[in-house]
């Protein structure tokens, strides 16, 4: 089965940048959807960004639009989330999720995901 491993989280000051990576293993990627979600303490897990590996179509949540960019590197079988102009409200554990889907495209929700990574923590603080 597919395994996902996030990396790239850490502590950053407001206005700073981070790039998260979601490395895949175990299954060849053909028609899959990859998405980033985040969960802050006391809040529900929310969708951040989504990409289809088939056509590279994307969807980005309004809360991060213009600041975050999702991408897929087919050669490395890795999904990325470039996070710019980070704000304290971006503080959360960020999770990579994936779905084998030959029909649907982004956006997708939490319950649509078939696989999850363990998450990587992002803290934005002065």
PDB file of N, CA and C in Angstrom:
ATOM      1  N   UNK A   1       0.817  -1.172   0.000  1.00  0.00           N
ATOM      2  CA  UNK A   1       0.000   0.000   0.000  1.00  0.00           C
ATOM      3  C   UNK A   1       0.873   1.252   0.000  1.00  0.00           C
ATOM      4  N   UNK A   2       0.242   2.359  -0.300  1.00  0.00           N
ATOM      5  CA  UNK A   2       0.959   3.616  -0.370  1.00  0.00           C
ATOM      6  C   UNK A   2       1.360   4.091   1.020  1.00  0.00           C
ATOM      7  N   UNK A   3       2.589   4.580   1.126  1.00  0.00           N
ATOM      8  CA  UNK A   3       3.061   5.205   2.345  1.00  0.00           C
ATOM      9  C   UNK A   3       3.435   6.647   2.057  1.00  0.00           C
ATOM     10  N   UNK A   4       3.104   7.527   2.988  1.00  0.00           N
ATOM     11  CA  UNK A   4       3.378   8.942   2.850  1.00  0.00           C
ATOM     12  C   UNK A   4       4.228   9.415   4.018  1.00  0.00           C
ATOM     13  N   UNK A   5       5.182  10.268   3.725  1.00  0.00           N
ATOM     14  CA  UNK A   5       6.056  10.792   4.761  1.00  0.00           C
ATOM     15  C   UNK A   5       6.264  12.282   4.553  1.00  0.00           C
ATOM     16  N   UNK A   6       5.790  13.085   5.499  1.00  0.00           N
ATOM     17  CA  UNK A   6       5.949  14.531   5.417  1.00  0.00           C
ATOM     18  C   UNK A   6       7.271  14.968   6.037  1.00  0.00           C
ATOM     19  N   UNK A   7       7.782  16.072   5.539  1.00  0.00           N
ATOM     20  CA  UNK A   7       8.976  16.675   6.102  1.00  0.00           C
ATOM     21  C   UNK A   7       8.963  18.167   5.795  1.00  0.00           C
ATOM     22  N   UNK A   8       9.807  18.914   6.477  1.00  0.00           N
ATOM     23  CA  UNK A   8       9.976  20.323   6.182  1.00  0.00           C
ATOM     24  C   UNK A   8       9.364  21.281   7.181  1.00  0.00           C
ATOM     25  N   UNK A   9       8.646  20.765   8.163  1.00  0.00           N
ATOM     26  CA  UNK A   9       8.058  21.627   9.165  1.00  0.00           C
ATOM     27  C   UNK A   9       9.102  22.187  10.109  1.00  0.00           C
ATOM     28  N   UNK A  10       8.680  23.144  10.915  1.00  0.00           N
ATOM     29  CA  UNK A  10       9.587  23.749  11.869  1.00  0.00           C
ATOM     30  C   UNK A  10       9.043  25.037  12.428  1.00  0.00           C
ATOM     31  N   UNK A  11       9.915  25.775  13.085  1.00  0.00           N
ATOM     32  CA  UNK A  11       9.572  27.065  13.674  1.00  0.00           C
ATOM     33  C   UNK A  11      10.023  28.180  12.745  1.00  0.00           C
ATOM     34  N   UNK A  12       9.127  29.109  12.477  1.00  0.00           N
ATOM     35  CA  UNK A  12       9.436  30.216  11.585  1.00  0.00           C
ATOM     36  C   UNK A  12       8.756  31.481  12.089  1.00  0.00           C
ATOM     37  N   UNK A  13       9.362  32.624  11.830  1.00  0.00           N
ATOM     38  CA  UNK A  13       8.774  33.900  12.217  1.00  0.00           C
ATOM     39  C   UNK A  13       7.698  34.326  11.228  1.00  0.00           C
ATOM     40  N   UNK A  14       6.748  35.146  11.670  1.00  0.00           N
ATOM     41  CA  UNK A  14       5.746  35.665  10.736  1.00  0.00           C
ATOM     42  C   UNK A  14       6.403  36.316   9.529  1.00  0.00           C
ATOM     43  N   UNK A  15       5.843  36.034   8.355  1.00  0.00           N
ATOM     44  CA  UNK A  15       6.410  36.540   7.120  1.00  0.00           C
ATOM     45  C   UNK A  15       7.426  35.617   6.484  1.00  0.00           C
ATOM     46  N   UNK A  16       7.828  34.598   7.202  1.00  0.00           N
ATOM     47  CA  UNK A  16       8.799  33.656   6.693  1.00  0.00           C
ATOM     48  C   UNK A  16       8.191  32.611   5.784  1.00  0.00           C
ATOM     49  N   UNK A  17       9.042  31.703   5.313  1.00  0.00           N
ATOM     50  CA  UNK A  17       8.618  30.679   4.366  1.00  0.00           C
ATOM     51  C   UNK A  17       9.107  29.305   4.785  1.00  0.00           C
ATOM     52  N   UNK A  18       8.355  28.298   4.386  1.00  0.00           N
ATOM     53  CA  UNK A  18       8.732  26.905   4.544  1.00  0.00           C
ATOM     54  C   UNK A  18       8.257  26.138   3.331  1.00  0.00           C
ATOM     55  N   UNK A  19       8.942  25.060   3.008  1.00  0.00           N
ATOM     56  CA  UNK A  19       8.472  24.159   1.973  1.00  0.00           C
ATOM     57  C   UNK A  19       8.327  22.766   2.558  1.00  0.00           C
ATOM     58  N   UNK A  20       7.115  22.277   2.546  1.00  0.00           N
ATOM     59  CA  UNK A  20       6.830  20.941   3.022  1.00  0.00           C
ATOM     60  C   UNK A  20       6.899  19.952   1.872  1.00  0.00           C
ATOM     61  N   UNK A  21       7.357  18.749   2.159  1.00  0.00           N
ATOM     62  CA  UNK A  21       7.428  17.697   1.165  1.00  0.00           C
ATOM     63  C   UNK A  21       6.644  16.482   1.641  1.00  0.00           C
ATOM     64  N   UNK A  22       6.001  15.824   0.711  1.00  0.00           N
ATOM     65  CA  UNK A  22       5.280  14.586   0.979  1.00  0.00           C
ATOM     66  C   UNK A  22       5.848  13.525   0.052  1.00  0.00           C
ATOM     67  N   UNK A  23       6.743  12.710   0.583  1.00  0.00           N
ATOM     68  CA  UNK A  23       7.367  11.652  -0.201  1.00  0.00           C
ATOM     69  C   UNK A  23       6.499  10.404  -0.176  1.00  0.00           C
ATOM     70  N   UNK A  24       6.405   9.742  -1.314  1.00  0.00           N
ATOM     71  CA  UNK A  24       5.575   8.546  -1.418  1.00  0.00           C
ATOM     72  C   UNK A  24       6.431   7.310  -1.643  1.00  0.00           C
ATOM     73  N   UNK A  25       5.902   6.168  -1.234  1.00  0.00           N
ATOM     74  CA  UNK A  25       6.576   4.898  -1.456  1.00  0.00           C
ATOM     75  C   UNK A  25       5.556   3.768  -1.404  1.00  0.00           C
ATOM     76  N   UNK A  26       5.916   2.641  -1.997  1.00  0.00           N
ATOM     77  CA  UNK A  26       5.093   1.447  -1.899  1.00  0.00           C
ATOM     78  C   UNK A  26       4.202   1.166  -3.089  1.00  0.00           C
ATOM     79  N   UNK A  27       3.767   2.205  -3.778  1.00  0.00           N
ATOM     80  CA  UNK A  27       2.853   2.057  -4.903  1.00  0.00           C
ATOM     81  C   UNK A  27       3.246   3.026  -6.007  1.00  0.00           C
ATOM     82  N   UNK A  28       3.204   2.552  -7.233  1.00  0.00           N
ATOM     83  CA  UNK A  28       3.452   3.429  -8.371  1.00  0.00           C
ATOM     84  C   UNK A  28       2.314   4.425  -8.506  1.00  0.00           C
ATOM     85  N   UNK A  29       2.681   5.673  -8.737  1.00  0.00           N
ATOM     86  CA  UNK A  29       1.695   6.742  -8.831  1.00  0.00           C
ATOM     87  C   UNK A  29       1.293   6.944 -10.285  1.00  0.00           C
ATOM     88  N   UNK A  30       0.025   6.829 -10.557  1.00  0.00           N
ATOM     89  CA  UNK A  30      -0.475   7.128 -11.894  1.00  0.00           C
ATOM     90  C   UNK A  30      -1.573   8.190 -11.816  1.00  0.00           C
ATOM     91  N   UNK A  31      -2.765   7.785 -11.480  1.00  0.00           N
ATOM     92  CA  UNK A  31      -3.869   8.727 -11.352  1.00  0.00           C
ATOM     93  C   UNK A  31      -4.239   8.857  -9.876  1.00  0.00           C
ATOM     94  N   UNK A  32      -3.597   9.777  -9.231  1.00  0.00           N
ATOM     95  CA  UNK A  32      -3.790  10.012  -7.804  1.00  0.00           C
ATOM     96  C   UNK A  32      -4.041  11.484  -7.537  1.00  0.00           C
ATOM     97  N   UNK A  33      -4.667  11.727  -6.410  1.00  0.00           N
ATOM     98  CA  UNK A  33      -4.828  13.069  -5.886  1.00  0.00           C
ATOM     99  C   UNK A  33      -4.037  13.177  -4.598  1.00  0.00           C
ATOM    100  N   UNK A  34      -3.272  14.251  -4.479  1.00  0.00           N
ATOM    101  CA  UNK A  34      -2.551  14.542  -3.247  1.00  0.00           C
ATOM    102  C   UNK A  34      -3.051  15.861  -2.691  1.00  0.00           C
ATOM    103  N   UNK A  35      -3.173  15.902  -1.394  1.00  0.00           N
ATOM    104  CA  UNK A  35      -3.691  17.094  -0.759  1.00  0.00           C
ATOM    105  C   UNK A  35      -2.999  17.340   0.573  1.00  0.00           C
ATOM    106  N   UNK A  36      -2.919  18.602   0.938  1.00  0.00           N
ATOM    107  CA  UNK A  36      -2.399  19.004   2.231  1.00  0.00           C
ATOM    108  C   UNK A  36      -3.548  19.481   3.105  1.00  0.00           C
ATOM    109  N   UNK A  37      -3.534  19.024   4.337  1.00  0.00           N
ATOM    110  CA  UNK A  37      -4.499  19.431   5.342  1.00  0.00           C
ATOM    111  C   UNK A  37      -3.737  19.928   6.561  1.00  0.00           C
ATOM    112  N   UNK A  38      -4.416  20.671   7.400  1.00  0.00           N
ATOM    113  CA  UNK A  38      -3.796  21.106   8.641  1.00  0.00           C
ATOM    114  C   UNK A  38      -4.795  21.046   9.776  1.00  0.00           C
ATOM    115  N   UNK A  39      -4.257  20.865  10.970  1.00  0.00           N
ATOM    116  CA  UNK A  39      -5.096  20.793  12.148  1.00  0.00           C
ATOM    117  C   UNK A  39      -4.418  21.521  13.303  1.00  0.00           C
ATOM    118  N   UNK A  40      -5.061  22.571  13.749  1.00  0.00           N
ATOM    119  CA  UNK A  40      -4.588  23.321  14.897  1.00  0.00           C
ATOM    120  C   UNK A  40      -5.257  22.782  16.154  1.00  0.00           C
ATOM    121  N   UNK A  41      -4.649  22.989  17.325  1.00  0.00           N
ATOM    122  CA  UNK A  41      -5.245  22.508  18.571  1.00  0.00           C
ATOM    123  C   UNK A  41      -6.668  23.014  18.755  1.00  0.00           C
ATOM    124  N   UNK A  42      -7.580  22.097  19.065  1.00  0.00           N
ATOM    125  CA  UNK A  42      -8.962  22.459  19.292  1.00  0.00           C
ATOM    126  C   UNK A  42      -9.779  22.701  18.049  1.00  0.00           C
ATOM    127  N   UNK A  43      -9.195  22.495  16.884  1.00  0.00           N
ATOM    128  CA  UNK A  43      -9.901  22.722  15.641  1.00  0.00           C
ATOM    129  C   UNK A  43      -9.952  21.454  14.801  1.00  0.00           C
ATOM    130  N   UNK A  44     -10.876  21.441  13.859  1.00  0.00           N
ATOM    131  CA  UNK A  44     -10.997  20.316  12.945  1.00  0.00           C
ATOM    132  C   UNK A  44      -9.914  20.368  11.879  1.00  0.00           C
ATOM    133  N   UNK A  45      -9.634  19.212  11.309  1.00  0.00           N
ATOM    134  CA  UNK A  45      -8.687  19.161  10.215  1.00  0.00           C
ATOM    135  C   UNK A  45      -9.308  19.818   8.986  1.00  0.00           C
ATOM    136  N   UNK A  46      -8.572  20.736   8.377  1.00  0.00           N
ATOM    137  CA  UNK A  46      -9.095  21.479   7.252  1.00  0.00           C
ATOM    138  C   UNK A  46      -8.201  21.338   6.028  1.00  0.00           C
ATOM    139  N   UNK A  47      -8.834  21.379   4.876  1.00  0.00           N
ATOM    140  CA  UNK A  47      -8.102  21.287   3.620  1.00  0.00           C
ATOM    141  C   UNK A  47      -7.342  22.573   3.349  1.00  0.00           C
ATOM    142  N   UNK A  48      -6.132  22.430   2.849  1.00  0.00           N
ATOM    143  CA  UNK A  48      -5.279  23.569   2.533  1.00  0.00           C
ATOM    144  C   UNK A  48      -5.064  23.688   1.029  1.00  0.00           C
ATOM    145  N   UNK A  49      -4.653  22.593   0.403  1.00  0.00           N
ATOM    146  CA  UNK A  49      -4.376  22.601  -1.028  1.00  0.00           C
ATOM    147  C   UNK A  49      -4.470  21.190  -1.576  1.00  0.00           C
ATOM    148  N   UNK A  50      -4.691  21.095  -2.874  1.00  0.00           N
ATOM    149  CA  UNK A  50      -4.932  19.809  -3.510  1.00  0.00           C
ATOM    150  C   UNK A  50      -4.391  19.841  -4.933  1.00  0.00           C
ATOM    151  N   UNK A  51      -3.896  18.694  -5.383  1.00  0.00           N
ATOM    152  CA  UNK A  51      -3.413  18.593  -6.753  1.00  0.00           C
ATOM    153  C   UNK A  51      -3.702  17.207  -7.306  1.00  0.00           C
ATOM    154  N   UNK A  52      -4.056  17.159  -8.576  1.00  0.00           N
ATOM    155  CA  UNK A  52      -4.226  15.906  -9.290  1.00  0.00           C
ATOM    156  C   UNK A  52      -2.966  15.619 -10.089  1.00  0.00           C
ATOM    157  N   UNK A  53      -2.417  14.406  -9.958  1.00  0.00           N
ATOM    158  CA  UNK A  53      -1.208  14.057 -10.707  1.00  0.00           C
ATOM    159  C   UNK A  53      -1.488  13.849 -12.183  1.00  0.00           C
ATOM    160  N   UNK A  54      -2.748  13.641 -12.545  1.00  0.00           N
ATOM    161  CA  UNK A  54      -3.103  13.370 -13.931  1.00  0.00           C
ATOM    162  C   UNK A  54      -2.952  14.597 -14.817  1.00  0.00           C
ATOM    163  N   UNK A  55      -3.489  15.726 -14.363  1.00  0.00           N
ATOM    164  CA  UNK A  55      -3.468  16.928 -15.186  1.00  0.00           C
ATOM    165  C   UNK A  55      -2.863  18.142 -14.488  1.00  0.00           C
ATOM    166  N   UNK A  56      -2.389  17.959 -13.265  1.00  0.00           N
ATOM    167  CA  UNK A  56      -1.758  19.016 -12.478  1.00  0.00           C
ATOM    168  C   UNK A  56      -2.721  20.126 -12.079  1.00  0.00           C
ATOM    169  N   UNK A  57      -4.006  19.851 -12.190  1.00  0.00           N
ATOM    170  CA  UNK A  57      -4.975  20.834 -11.730  1.00  0.00           C
ATOM    171  C   UNK A  57      -4.891  20.954 -10.215  1.00  0.00           C
ATOM    172  N   UNK A  58      -5.143  22.152  -9.709  1.00  0.00           N
ATOM    173  CA  UNK A  58      -4.978  22.412  -8.282  1.00  0.00           C
ATOM    174  C   UNK A  58      -6.160  23.171  -7.707  1.00  0.00           C
ATOM    175  N   UNK A  59      -6.242  23.132  -6.403  1.00  0.00           N
ATOM    176  CA  UNK A  59      -7.195  23.934  -5.663  1.00  0.00           C
ATOM    177  C   UNK A  59      -6.536  24.362  -4.367  1.00  0.00           C
ATOM    178  N   UNK A  60      -6.700  25.616  -4.015  1.00  0.00           N
ATOM    179  CA  UNK A  60      -6.092  26.155  -2.806  1.00  0.00           C
ATOM    180  C   UNK A  60      -7.173  26.836  -1.978  1.00  0.00           C
ATOM    181  N   UNK A  61      -7.147  26.601  -0.690  1.00  0.00           N
ATOM    182  CA  UNK A  61      -8.134  27.187   0.205  1.00  0.00           C
ATOM    183  C   UNK A  61      -8.018  28.707   0.226  1.00  0.00           C
ATOM    184  N   UNK A  62      -9.147  29.362   0.412  1.00  0.00           N
ATOM    185  CA  UNK A  62      -9.158  30.820   0.439  1.00  0.00           C
ATOM    186  C   UNK A  62      -8.252  31.390   1.528  1.00  0.00           C
ATOM    187  N   UNK A  63      -8.143  30.679   2.642  1.00  0.00           N
ATOM    188  CA  UNK A  63      -7.361  31.164   3.763  1.00  0.00           C
ATOM    189  C   UNK A  63      -5.872  31.271   3.460  1.00  0.00           C
ATOM    190  N   UNK A  64      -5.404  30.531   2.462  1.00  0.00           N
ATOM    191  CA  UNK A  64      -3.980  30.543   2.130  1.00  0.00           C
ATOM    192  C   UNK A  64      -3.719  30.944   0.684  1.00  0.00           C
ATOM    193  N   UNK A  65      -4.760  31.295  -0.035  1.00  0.00           N
ATOM    194  CA  UNK A  65      -4.624  31.653  -1.443  1.00  0.00           C
ATOM    195  C   UNK A  65      -3.701  32.854  -1.602  1.00  0.00           C
ATOM    196  N   UNK A  66      -2.790  32.741  -2.554  1.00  0.00           N
ATOM    197  CA  UNK A  66      -1.816  33.789  -2.785  1.00  0.00           C
ATOM    198  C   UNK A  66      -0.565  33.636  -1.966  1.00  0.00           C
ATOM    199  N   UNK A  67      -0.589  32.750  -0.979  1.00  0.00           N
ATOM    200  CA  UNK A  67       0.570  32.528  -0.124  1.00  0.00           C
ATOM    201  C   UNK A  67       1.127  31.114  -0.247  1.00  0.00           C
ATOM    202  N   UNK A  68       0.249  30.131  -0.428  1.00  0.00           N
ATOM    203  CA  UNK A  68       0.655  28.731  -0.510  1.00  0.00           C
ATOM    204  C   UNK A  68       0.498  28.226  -1.937  1.00  0.00           C
ATOM    205  N   UNK A  69       1.416  27.349  -2.349  1.00  0.00           N
ATOM    206  CA  UNK A  69       1.360  26.733  -3.660  1.00  0.00           C
ATOM    207  C   UNK A  69       1.641  25.241  -3.537  1.00  0.00           C
ATOM    208  N   UNK A  70       0.800  24.427  -4.142  1.00  0.00           N
ATOM    209  CA  UNK A  70       1.014  22.984  -4.143  1.00  0.00           C
ATOM    210  C   UNK A  70       1.562  22.565  -5.501  1.00  0.00           C
ATOM    211  N   UNK A  71       2.445  21.575  -5.504  1.00  0.00           N
ATOM    212  CA  UNK A  71       3.018  21.079  -6.746  1.00  0.00           C
ATOM    213  C   UNK A  71       3.301  19.586  -6.633  1.00  0.00           C
ATOM    214  N   UNK A  72       3.493  18.951  -7.777  1.00  0.00           N
ATOM    215  CA  UNK A  72       3.785  17.523  -7.830  1.00  0.00           C
ATOM    216  C   UNK A  72       4.985  17.295  -8.732  1.00  0.00           C
ATOM    217  N   UNK A  73       5.981  16.602  -8.212  1.00  0.00           N
ATOM    218  CA  UNK A  73       7.173  16.241  -8.967  1.00  0.00           C
ATOM    219  C   UNK A  73       7.070  14.767  -9.307  1.00  0.00           C
ATOM    220  N   UNK A  74       6.785  14.465 -10.562  1.00  0.00           N
ATOM    221  CA  UNK A  74       6.580  13.085 -10.967  1.00  0.00           C
ATOM    222  C   UNK A  74       7.862  12.259 -10.889  1.00  0.00           C
ATOM    223  N   UNK A  75       8.989  12.862 -11.197  1.00  0.00           N
ATOM    224  CA  UNK A  75      10.263  12.150 -11.162  1.00  0.00           C
ATOM    225  C   UNK A  75      10.609  11.696  -9.756  1.00  0.00           C
ATOM    226  N   UNK A  76      10.257  12.497  -8.766  1.00  0.00           N
ATOM    227  CA  UNK A  76      10.551  12.182  -7.373  1.00  0.00           C
ATOM    228  C   UNK A  76       9.360  11.584  -6.633  1.00  0.00           C
ATOM    229  N   UNK A  77       8.233  11.506  -7.299  1.00  0.00           N
ATOM    230  CA  UNK A  77       6.993  11.022  -6.681  1.00  0.00           C
ATOM    231  C   UNK A  77       6.741  11.725  -5.356  1.00  0.00           C
ATOM    232  N   UNK A  78       6.843  13.030  -5.392  1.00  0.00           N
ATOM    233  CA  UNK A  78       6.734  13.840  -4.179  1.00  0.00           C
ATOM    234  C   UNK A  78       5.831  15.040  -4.418  1.00  0.00           C
ATOM    235  N   UNK A  79       4.963  15.287  -3.464  1.00  0.00           N
ATOM    236  CA  UNK A  79       4.132  16.482  -3.473  1.00  0.00           C
ATOM    237  C   UNK A  79       4.735  17.519  -2.538  1.00  0.00           C
ATOM    238  N   UNK A  80       4.660  18.769  -2.926  1.00  0.00           N
ATOM    239  CA  UNK A  80       5.229  19.850  -2.141  1.00  0.00           C
ATOM    240  C   UNK A  80       4.170  20.882  -1.799  1.00  0.00           C
ATOM    241  N   UNK A  81       4.398  21.558  -0.701  1.00  0.00           N
ATOM    242  CA  UNK A  81       3.595  22.710  -0.338  1.00  0.00           C
ATOM    243  C   UNK A  81       4.540  23.853  -0.004  1.00  0.00           C
ATOM    244  N   UNK A  82       4.615  24.821  -0.897  1.00  0.00           N
ATOM    245  CA  UNK A  82       5.410  26.012  -0.662  1.00  0.00           C
ATOM    246  C   UNK A  82       4.569  27.003   0.128  1.00  0.00           C
ATOM    247  N   UNK A  83       5.057  27.395   1.285  1.00  0.00           N
ATOM    248  CA  UNK A  83       4.322  28.258   2.194  1.00  0.00           C
ATOM    249  C   UNK A  83       5.089  29.567   2.352  1.00  0.00           C
ATOM    250  N   UNK A  84       4.519  30.649   1.854  1.00  0.00           N
ATOM    251  CA  UNK A  84       5.140  31.960   1.935  1.00  0.00           C
ATOM    252  C   UNK A  84       4.304  32.899   2.790  1.00  0.00           C
ATOM    253  N   UNK A  85       4.951  33.945   3.278  1.00  0.00           N
ATOM    254  CA  UNK A  85       4.279  34.948   4.101  1.00  0.00           C
ATOM    255  C   UNK A  85       3.458  34.302   5.207  1.00  0.00           C
ATOM    256  N   UNK A  86       4.099  33.449   5.956  1.00  0.00           N
ATOM    257  CA  UNK A  86       3.408  32.705   7.000  1.00  0.00           C
ATOM    258  C   UNK A  86       2.905  33.619   8.109  1.00  0.00           C
ATOM    259  N   UNK A  87       1.755  33.253   8.639  1.00  0.00           N
ATOM    260  CA  UNK A  87       1.106  33.997   9.700  1.00  0.00           C
ATOM    261  C   UNK A  87       0.934  33.108  10.925  1.00  0.00           C
ATOM    262  N   UNK A  88       0.797  33.710  12.111  1.00  0.00           N
ATOM    263  CA  UNK A  88       0.598  32.897  13.316  1.00  0.00           C
ATOM    264  C   UNK A  88      -0.579  31.938  13.200  1.00  0.00           C
ATOM    265  N   UNK A  89      -1.634  32.330  12.510  1.00  0.00           N
ATOM    266  CA  UNK A  89      -2.790  31.466  12.351  1.00  0.00           C
ATOM    267  C   UNK A  89      -2.536  30.262  11.450  1.00  0.00           C
ATOM    268  N   UNK A  90      -1.372  30.214  10.803  1.00  0.00           N
ATOM    269  CA  UNK A  90      -0.990  29.046  10.027  1.00  0.00           C
ATOM    270  C   UNK A  90      -0.403  27.941  10.901  1.00  0.00           C
ATOM    271  N   UNK A  91      -0.176  28.231  12.162  1.00  0.00           N
ATOM    272  CA  UNK A  91       0.385  27.249  13.081  1.00  0.00           C
ATOM    273  C   UNK A  91      -0.533  26.037  13.193  1.00  0.00           C
ATOM    274  N   UNK A  92       0.010  24.866  12.912  1.00  0.00           N
ATOM    275  CA  UNK A  92      -0.775  23.633  12.924  1.00  0.00           C
ATOM    276  C   UNK A  92       0.134  22.460  12.595  1.00  0.00           C
ATOM    277  N   UNK A  93      -0.401  21.270  12.776  1.00  0.00           N
ATOM    278  CA  UNK A  93       0.233  20.086  12.222  1.00  0.00           C
ATOM    279  C   UNK A  93      -0.290  19.917  10.806  1.00  0.00           C
ATOM    280  N   UNK A  94       0.613  19.798   9.862  1.00  0.00           N
ATOM    281  CA  UNK A  94       0.241  19.675   8.461  1.00  0.00           C
ATOM    282  C   UNK A  94       0.355  18.221   8.026  1.00  0.00           C
ATOM    283  N   UNK A  95      -0.706  17.723   7.419  1.00  0.00           N
ATOM    284  CA  UNK A  95      -0.774  16.337   6.991  1.00  0.00           C
ATOM    285  C   UNK A  95      -0.880  16.234   5.480  1.00  0.00           C
ATOM    286  N   UNK A  96      -0.218  15.250   4.943  1.00  0.00           N
ATOM    287  CA  UNK A  96      -0.363  14.900   3.543  1.00  0.00           C
ATOM    288  C   UNK A  96      -1.364  13.756   3.426  1.00  0.00           C
ATOM    289  N   UNK A  97      -2.314  13.904   2.535  1.00  0.00           N
ATOM    290  CA  UNK A  97      -3.271  12.854   2.265  1.00  0.00           C
ATOM    291  C   UNK A  97      -3.274  12.515   0.789  1.00  0.00           C
ATOM    292  N   UNK A  98      -3.706  11.301   0.469  1.00  0.00           N
ATOM    293  CA  UNK A  98      -3.705  10.876  -0.921  1.00  0.00           C
ATOM    294  C   UNK A  98      -4.901   9.983  -1.207  1.00  0.00           C
ATOM    295  N   UNK A  99      -5.319  10.024  -2.446  1.00  0.00           N
ATOM    296  CA  UNK A  99      -6.481   9.273  -2.889  1.00  0.00           C
ATOM    297  C   UNK A  99      -6.235   8.749  -4.291  1.00  0.00           C
ATOM    298  N   UNK A 100      -6.477   7.465  -4.489  1.00  0.00           N
ATOM    299  CA  UNK A 100      -6.435   6.894  -5.834  1.00  0.00           C
ATOM    300  C   UNK A 100      -7.774   7.187  -6.491  1.00  0.00           C
ATOM    301  N   UNK A 101      -7.737   8.022  -7.513  1.00  0.00           N
ATOM    302  CA  UNK A 101      -8.981   8.488  -8.113  1.00  0.00           C
ATOM    303  C   UNK A 101      -8.779   8.726  -9.603  1.00  0.00           C
ATOM    304  N   UNK A 102      -9.530   7.985 -10.410  1.00  0.00           N
ATOM    305  CA  UNK A 102      -9.434   8.112 -11.858  1.00  0.00           C
ATOM    306  C   UNK A 102     -10.487   9.052 -12.434  1.00  0.00           C
ATOM    307  N   UNK A 103     -11.375   9.530 -11.599  1.00  0.00           N
ATOM    308  CA  UNK A 103     -12.513  10.300 -12.081  1.00  0.00           C
ATOM    309  C   UNK A 103     -12.524  11.727 -11.546  1.00  0.00           C
ATOM    310  N   UNK A 104     -12.490  11.857 -10.236  1.00  0.00           N
ATOM    311  CA  UNK A 104     -12.653  13.164  -9.619  1.00  0.00           C
ATOM    312  C   UNK A 104     -11.364  13.971  -9.616  1.00  0.00           C
ATOM    313  N   UNK A 105     -11.523  15.251  -9.446  1.00  0.00           N
ATOM    314  CA  UNK A 105     -10.395  16.157  -9.343  1.00  0.00           C
ATOM    315  C   UNK A 105     -10.560  17.006  -8.085  1.00  0.00           C
ATOM    316  N   UNK A 106      -9.634  17.915  -7.877  1.00  0.00           N
ATOM    317  CA  UNK A 106      -9.667  18.793  -6.709  1.00  0.00           C
ATOM    318  C   UNK A 106     -10.789  19.820  -6.825  1.00  0.00           C
ATOM    319  N   UNK A 107     -11.321  20.261  -5.679  1.00  0.00           N
ATOM    320  CA  UNK A 107     -10.913  19.958  -4.310  1.00  0.00           C
ATOM    321  C   UNK A 107     -11.476  18.640  -3.782  1.00  0.00           C
ATOM    322  N   UNK A 108     -10.828  18.113  -2.775  1.00  0.00           N
ATOM    323  CA  UNK A 108     -11.260  16.922  -2.087  1.00  0.00           C
ATOM    324  C   UNK A 108     -11.229  17.188  -0.586  1.00  0.00           C
ATOM    325  N   UNK A 109     -11.996  16.411   0.153  1.00  0.00           N
ATOM    326  CA  UNK A 109     -12.091  16.607   1.582  1.00  0.00           C
ATOM    327  C   UNK A 109     -11.378  15.547   2.393  1.00  0.00           C
ATOM    328  N   UNK A 110     -11.395  15.736   3.692  1.00  0.00           N
ATOM    329  CA  UNK A 110     -10.731  14.821   4.616  1.00  0.00           C
ATOM    330  C   UNK A 110     -11.212  13.389   4.429  1.00  0.00           C
ATOM    331  N   UNK A 111     -12.503  13.212   4.317  1.00  0.00           N
ATOM    332  CA  UNK A 111     -13.076  11.870   4.213  1.00  0.00           C
ATOM    333  C   UNK A 111     -12.830  11.208   2.867  1.00  0.00           C
ATOM    334  N   UNK A 112     -12.333  11.962   1.891  1.00  0.00           N
ATOM    335  CA  UNK A 112     -12.022  11.395   0.590  1.00  0.00           C
ATOM    336  C   UNK A 112     -10.673  10.691   0.563  1.00  0.00           C
ATOM    337  N   UNK A 113      -9.811  11.012   1.493  1.00  0.00           N
ATOM    338  CA  UNK A 113      -8.451  10.507   1.464  1.00  0.00           C
ATOM    339  C   UNK A 113      -8.374   9.037   1.868  1.00  0.00           C
ATOM    340  N   UNK A 114      -7.560   8.278   1.135  1.00  0.00           N
ATOM    341  CA  UNK A 114      -7.347   6.866   1.427  1.00  0.00           C
ATOM    342  C   UNK A 114      -6.121   6.632   2.301  1.00  0.00           C
ATOM    343  N   UNK A 115      -5.145   7.514   2.221  1.00  0.00           N
ATOM    344  CA  UNK A 115      -3.894   7.373   2.954  1.00  0.00           C
ATOM    345  C   UNK A 115      -3.501   8.692   3.590  1.00  0.00           C
ATOM    346  N   UNK A 116      -2.811   8.576   4.714  1.00  0.00           N
ATOM    347  CA  UNK A 116      -2.344   9.747   5.452  1.00  0.00           C
ATOM    348  C   UNK A 116      -0.906   9.579   5.906  1.00  0.00           C
ATOM    349  N   UNK A 117      -0.179  10.679   5.923  1.00  0.00           N
ATOM    350  CA  UNK A 117       1.111  10.703   6.577  1.00  0.00           C
ATOM    351  C   UNK A 117       0.948  10.980   8.055  1.00  0.00           C
ATOM    352  N   UNK A 118       2.057  10.961   8.778  1.00  0.00           N
ATOM    353  CA  UNK A 118       2.023  11.196  10.218  1.00  0.00           C
ATOM    354  C   UNK A 118       1.924  12.664  10.582  1.00  0.00           C
ATOM    355  N   UNK A 119       2.222  13.540   9.651  1.00  0.00           N
ATOM    356  CA  UNK A 119       2.143  14.966   9.881  1.00  0.00           C
ATOM    357  C   UNK A 119       3.488  15.587  10.192  1.00  0.00           C
ATOM    358  N   UNK A 120       3.593  16.876   9.936  1.00  0.00           N
ATOM    359  CA  UNK A 120       4.770  17.649  10.294  1.00  0.00           C
ATOM    360  C   UNK A 120       4.307  18.966  10.905  1.00  0.00           C
ATOM    361  N   UNK A 121       4.929  19.349  11.996  1.00  0.00           N
ATOM    362  CA  UNK A 121       4.481  20.500  12.759  1.00  0.00           C
ATOM    363  C   UNK A 121       5.060  21.798  12.213  1.00  0.00           C
ATOM    364  N   UNK A 122       4.182  22.789  12.059  1.00  0.00           N
ATOM    365  CA  UNK A 122       4.576  24.131  11.637  1.00  0.00           C
ATOM    366  C   UNK A 122       4.161  25.112  12.724  1.00  0.00           C
ATOM    367  N   UNK A 123       5.113  25.862  13.225  1.00  0.00           N
ATOM    368  CA  UNK A 123       4.840  26.869  14.239  1.00  0.00           C
ATOM    369  C   UNK A 123       5.314  28.220  13.740  1.00  0.00           C
ATOM    370  N   UNK A 124       4.398  29.175  13.697  1.00  0.00           N
ATOM    371  CA  UNK A 124       4.712  30.533  13.255  1.00  0.00           C
ATOM    372  C   UNK A 124       4.587  31.447  14.467  1.00  0.00           C
ATOM    373  N   UNK A 125       5.702  31.960  14.918  1.00  0.00           N
ATOM    374  CA  UNK A 125       5.728  32.741  16.150  1.00  0.00           C
ATOM    375  C   UNK A 125       6.853  33.756  16.109  1.00  0.00           C
ATOM    376  N   UNK A 126       6.620  34.943  16.712  1.00  0.00           N
ATOM    377  CA  UNK A 126       7.693  35.934  16.812  1.00  0.00           C
ATOM    378  C   UNK A 126       8.862  35.445  17.625  1.00  0.00           C
TER     379      UNK A 126
END
